[in-house]
Amino acid sequence: MDITWEDGFAIEVRADHGTVIVSANREGLLSLARQLTALAESVPGTHIHYDEYNSLETGSAEMIVERIQ
């Protein structure tokens, strides 16, 4: 699966009392939209792992998005 990022993207994920909050600039939202579209076209079980070491802002919570069925 092709994972691409818009130049200048910024994405932060945090969990607050059971609520997951994803905050992103325009480039971050476009990047996520493209990646989620690619994930939707992939086979079940495919996933994308996001964390502060590969894509999210420092201090962000880890997030995994997985295609099922």
C-alpha atoms as a PDB file:
ATOM      1  CA  MET A   1       0.000   0.000   0.000  1.00  0.00           C
ATOM      2  CA  ASP A   2       1.329   3.413  -0.945  1.00  0.00           C
ATOM      3  CA  ILE A   3       1.615   5.757   2.053  1.00  0.00           C
ATOM      4  CA  THR A   4       2.255   9.329   0.985  1.00  0.00           C
ATOM      5  CA  TRP A   5       2.322  12.585   2.889  1.00  0.00           C
ATOM      6  CA  GLU A   6       1.581  16.122   1.784  1.00  0.00           C
ATOM      7  CA  ASP A   7       4.486  18.510   2.385  1.00  0.00           C
ATOM      8  CA  GLY A   8       4.071  20.326   5.673  1.00  0.00           C
ATOM      9  CA  PHE A   9       1.579  17.871   7.194  1.00  0.00           C
ATOM     10  CA  ALA A  10       0.920  17.980  10.939  1.00  0.00           C
ATOM     11  CA  ILE A  11      -1.228  15.462  12.813  1.00  0.00           C
ATOM     12  CA  GLU A  12      -1.744  14.986  16.535  1.00  0.00           C
ATOM     13  CA  VAL A  13      -3.722  12.200  18.208  1.00  0.00           C
ATOM     14  CA  ARG A  14      -4.711  12.252  21.845  1.00  0.00           C
ATOM     15  CA  ALA A  15      -7.058  10.318  24.096  1.00  0.00           C
ATOM     16  CA  ASP A  16      -9.101  12.237  26.652  1.00  0.00           C
ATOM     17  CA  HIS A  17     -11.374  10.268  28.996  1.00  0.00           C
ATOM     18  CA  GLY A  18     -12.237   7.654  26.373  1.00  0.00           C
ATOM     19  CA  THR A  19     -12.501  10.091  23.479  1.00  0.00           C
ATOM     20  CA  VAL A  20      -9.936   9.992  20.675  1.00  0.00           C
ATOM     21  CA  ILE A  21      -9.185  13.396  19.170  1.00  0.00           C
ATOM     22  CA  VAL A  22      -7.380  13.705  15.833  1.00  0.00           C
ATOM     23  CA  SER A  23      -6.163  17.247  15.108  1.00  0.00           C
ATOM     24  CA  ALA A  24      -4.539  18.041  11.771  1.00  0.00           C
ATOM     25  CA  ASN A  25      -3.759  20.884   9.438  1.00  0.00           C
ATOM     26  CA  ARG A  26      -5.020  20.879   5.827  1.00  0.00           C
ATOM     27  CA  GLU A  27      -2.040  18.873   4.589  1.00  0.00           C
ATOM     28  CA  GLY A  28      -2.467  16.365   7.388  1.00  0.00           C
ATOM     29  CA  LEU A  29      -6.152  15.858   6.619  1.00  0.00           C
ATOM     30  CA  LEU A  30      -5.447  15.394   2.907  1.00  0.00           C
ATOM     31  CA  SER A  31      -2.731  12.866   3.750  1.00  0.00           C
ATOM     32  CA  LEU A  32      -5.066  10.920   6.043  1.00  0.00           C
ATOM     33  CA  ALA A  33      -7.856  11.002   3.455  1.00  0.00           C
ATOM     34  CA  ARG A  34      -5.605   9.493   0.783  1.00  0.00           C
ATOM     35  CA  GLN A  35      -4.262   6.868   3.152  1.00  0.00           C
ATOM     36  CA  LEU A  36      -7.726   5.868   4.358  1.00  0.00           C
ATOM     37  CA  THR A  37      -8.885   5.587   0.739  1.00  0.00           C
ATOM     38  CA  ALA A  38      -5.931   3.305  -0.033  1.00  0.00           C
ATOM     39  CA  LEU A  39      -6.729   1.279   3.092  1.00  0.00           C
ATOM     40  CA  ALA A  40     -10.359   0.916   1.996  1.00  0.00           C
ATOM     41  CA  GLU A  41      -9.134  -0.545  -1.320  1.00  0.00           C
ATOM     42  CA  SER A  42      -6.757  -3.015   0.372  1.00  0.00           C
ATOM     43  CA  VAL A  43      -7.451  -6.505   1.669  1.00  0.00           C
ATOM     44  CA  PRO A  44      -8.998  -7.154   5.094  1.00  0.00           C
ATOM     45  CA  GLY A  45      -6.404  -7.226   7.851  1.00  0.00           C
ATOM     46  CA  THR A  46      -4.306  -4.483   6.289  1.00  0.00           C
ATOM     47  CA  HIS A  47      -3.549  -1.698   8.744  1.00  0.00           C
ATOM     48  CA  ILE A  48      -1.723   1.600   9.083  1.00  0.00           C
ATOM     49  CA  HIS A  49       0.203   2.298  12.259  1.00  0.00           C
ATOM     50  CA  TYR A  50       0.630   5.944  13.282  1.00  0.00           C
ATOM     51  CA  ASP A  51       2.828   7.131  16.151  1.00  0.00           C
ATOM     52  CA  GLU A  52       5.118   9.996  17.073  1.00  0.00           C
ATOM     53  CA  TYR A  53       8.141   8.149  15.664  1.00  0.00           C
ATOM     54  CA  ASN A  54       6.898   7.888  12.085  1.00  0.00           C
ATOM     55  CA  SER A  55       4.168  10.434  11.412  1.00  0.00           C
ATOM     56  CA  LEU A  56       2.454  12.095  14.374  1.00  0.00           C
ATOM     57  CA  GLU A  57       3.469  15.106  16.405  1.00  0.00           C
ATOM     58  CA  THR A  58       5.601  14.532  19.501  1.00  0.00           C
ATOM     59  CA  GLY A  59       3.518  13.414  22.468  1.00  0.00           C
ATOM     60  CA  SER A  60       0.728  11.982  20.323  1.00  0.00           C
ATOM     61  CA  ALA A  61      -1.053   8.788  21.276  1.00  0.00           C
ATOM     62  CA  GLU A  62      -0.418   5.765  19.107  1.00  0.00           C
ATOM     63  CA  MET A  63      -3.163   5.002  16.552  1.00  0.00           C
ATOM     64  CA  ILE A  64      -3.755   1.938  14.381  1.00  0.00           C
ATOM     65  CA  VAL A  65      -6.405   1.944  11.658  1.00  0.00           C
ATOM     66  CA  GLU A  66      -7.305  -1.502  10.296  1.00  0.00           C
ATOM     67  CA  ARG A  67      -9.465  -2.682   7.415  1.00  0.00           C
ATOM     68  CA  ILE A  68     -11.904  -5.411   8.395  1.00  0.00           C
ATOM     69  CA  GLN A  69     -14.173  -7.518   6.180  1.00  0.00           C
END
